[in-house]
Amino acid sequence: MITLEVVGTSGLCPALVDPSQLENALLNLCINARDTMPDGGRITIETADKWLDLLI
């Protein structure tokens, strides 16, 4: 048995995404996580604002 927990944070900065690509990425991450937990476990999906300093 696997528990899915979604933690949504309010007041996040908006982001432009391709809905089908985001769905596909989340689906693949969840499938990979599920496959590594043959005895069950918990998958947590959490939203948050993150600032990245990128060196180019």
C-alpha atoms as a PDB file:
ATOM      1  CA  MET A   1       0.000   0.000   0.000  1.00  0.00           C
ATOM      2  CA  ILE A   2       1.331   3.427  -0.981  1.00  0.00           C
ATOM      3  CA  THR A   3       0.008   6.682   0.463  1.00  0.00           C
ATOM      4  CA  LEU A   4      -0.008   9.769  -1.727  1.00  0.00           C
ATOM      5  CA  GLU A   5       0.227  13.081   0.128  1.00  0.00           C
ATOM      6  CA  VAL A   6      -0.097  16.448  -1.634  1.00  0.00           C
ATOM      7  CA  VAL A   7       1.064  19.533   0.267  1.00  0.00           C
ATOM      8  CA  GLY A   8      -0.032  22.692  -1.510  1.00  0.00           C
ATOM      9  CA  THR A   9       1.356  26.032  -0.378  1.00  0.00           C
ATOM     10  CA  SER A  10      -0.774  29.141  -0.897  1.00  0.00           C
ATOM     11  CA  GLY A  11       0.515  32.423  -2.287  1.00  0.00           C
ATOM     12  CA  LEU A  12       3.067  30.945  -4.663  1.00  0.00           C
ATOM     13  CA  CYS A  13       4.578  32.880  -7.548  1.00  0.00           C
ATOM     14  CA  PRO A  14       2.902  32.022 -10.861  1.00  0.00           C
ATOM     15  CA  ALA A  15       4.762  29.882 -13.379  1.00  0.00           C
ATOM     16  CA  LEU A  16       4.158  29.189 -17.050  1.00  0.00           C
ATOM     17  CA  VAL A  17       4.192  25.471 -17.787  1.00  0.00           C
ATOM     18  CA  ASP A  18       2.985  23.113 -20.458  1.00  0.00           C
ATOM     19  CA  PRO A  19       0.207  21.220 -18.626  1.00  0.00           C
ATOM     20  CA  SER A  20       0.794  17.932 -20.438  1.00  0.00           C
ATOM     21  CA  GLN A  21       4.563  18.044 -19.814  1.00  0.00           C
ATOM     22  CA  LEU A  22       4.006  18.775 -16.119  1.00  0.00           C
ATOM     23  CA  GLU A  23       1.511  15.913 -15.888  1.00  0.00           C
ATOM     24  CA  ASN A  24       3.939  13.572 -17.632  1.00  0.00           C
ATOM     25  CA  ALA A  25       6.832  14.588 -15.339  1.00  0.00           C
ATOM     26  CA  LEU A  26       4.743  14.084 -12.178  1.00  0.00           C
ATOM     27  CA  LEU A  27       3.415  10.764 -13.453  1.00  0.00           C
ATOM     28  CA  ASN A  28       6.921   9.484 -14.217  1.00  0.00           C
ATOM     29  CA  LEU A  29       8.227  10.596 -10.804  1.00  0.00           C
ATOM     30  CA  CYS A  30       5.329   8.853  -9.038  1.00  0.00           C
ATOM     31  CA  ILE A  31       5.745   5.664 -11.058  1.00  0.00           C
ATOM     32  CA  ASN A  32       9.489   5.581 -10.332  1.00  0.00           C
ATOM     33  CA  ALA A  33       8.851   6.185  -6.623  1.00  0.00           C
ATOM     34  CA  ARG A  34       6.183   3.469  -6.529  1.00  0.00           C
ATOM     35  CA  ASP A  35       8.503   0.981  -8.208  1.00  0.00           C
ATOM     36  CA  THR A  36      11.153   1.512  -5.510  1.00  0.00           C
ATOM     37  CA  MET A  37       8.685   0.718  -2.692  1.00  0.00           C
ATOM     38  CA  PRO A  38       7.559  -2.893  -3.159  1.00  0.00           C
ATOM     39  CA  ASP A  39       6.444  -3.059   0.495  1.00  0.00           C
ATOM     40  CA  GLY A  40       4.556   0.222   0.414  1.00  0.00           C
ATOM     41  CA  GLY A  41       5.406   3.691   1.622  1.00  0.00           C
ATOM     42  CA  ARG A  42       4.511   7.330   1.128  1.00  0.00           C
ATOM     43  CA  ILE A  43       4.880   9.642  -1.859  1.00  0.00           C
ATOM     44  CA  THR A  44       4.730  13.347  -0.979  1.00  0.00           C
ATOM     45  CA  ILE A  45       4.269  16.026  -3.644  1.00  0.00           C
ATOM     46  CA  GLU A  46       4.882  19.497  -2.220  1.00  0.00           C
ATOM     47  CA  THR A  47       4.780  22.943  -3.805  1.00  0.00           C
ATOM     48  CA  ALA A  48       7.056  25.817  -2.772  1.00  0.00           C
ATOM     49  CA  ASP A  49       8.772  28.876  -4.186  1.00  0.00           C
ATOM     50  CA  LYS A  50      12.499  28.362  -4.769  1.00  0.00           C
ATOM     51  CA  TRP A  51      15.092  30.874  -5.900  1.00  0.00           C
ATOM     52  CA  LEU A  52      18.024  29.513  -7.875  1.00  0.00           C
ATOM     53  CA  ASP A  53      21.323  31.294  -8.452  1.00  0.00           C
ATOM     54  CA  LEU A  54      22.514  30.047 -11.807  1.00  0.00           C
ATOM     55  CA  LEU A  55      26.040  30.602 -13.005  1.00  0.00           C
ATOM     56  CA  ILE A  56      26.160  30.877 -16.752  1.00  0.00           C
END
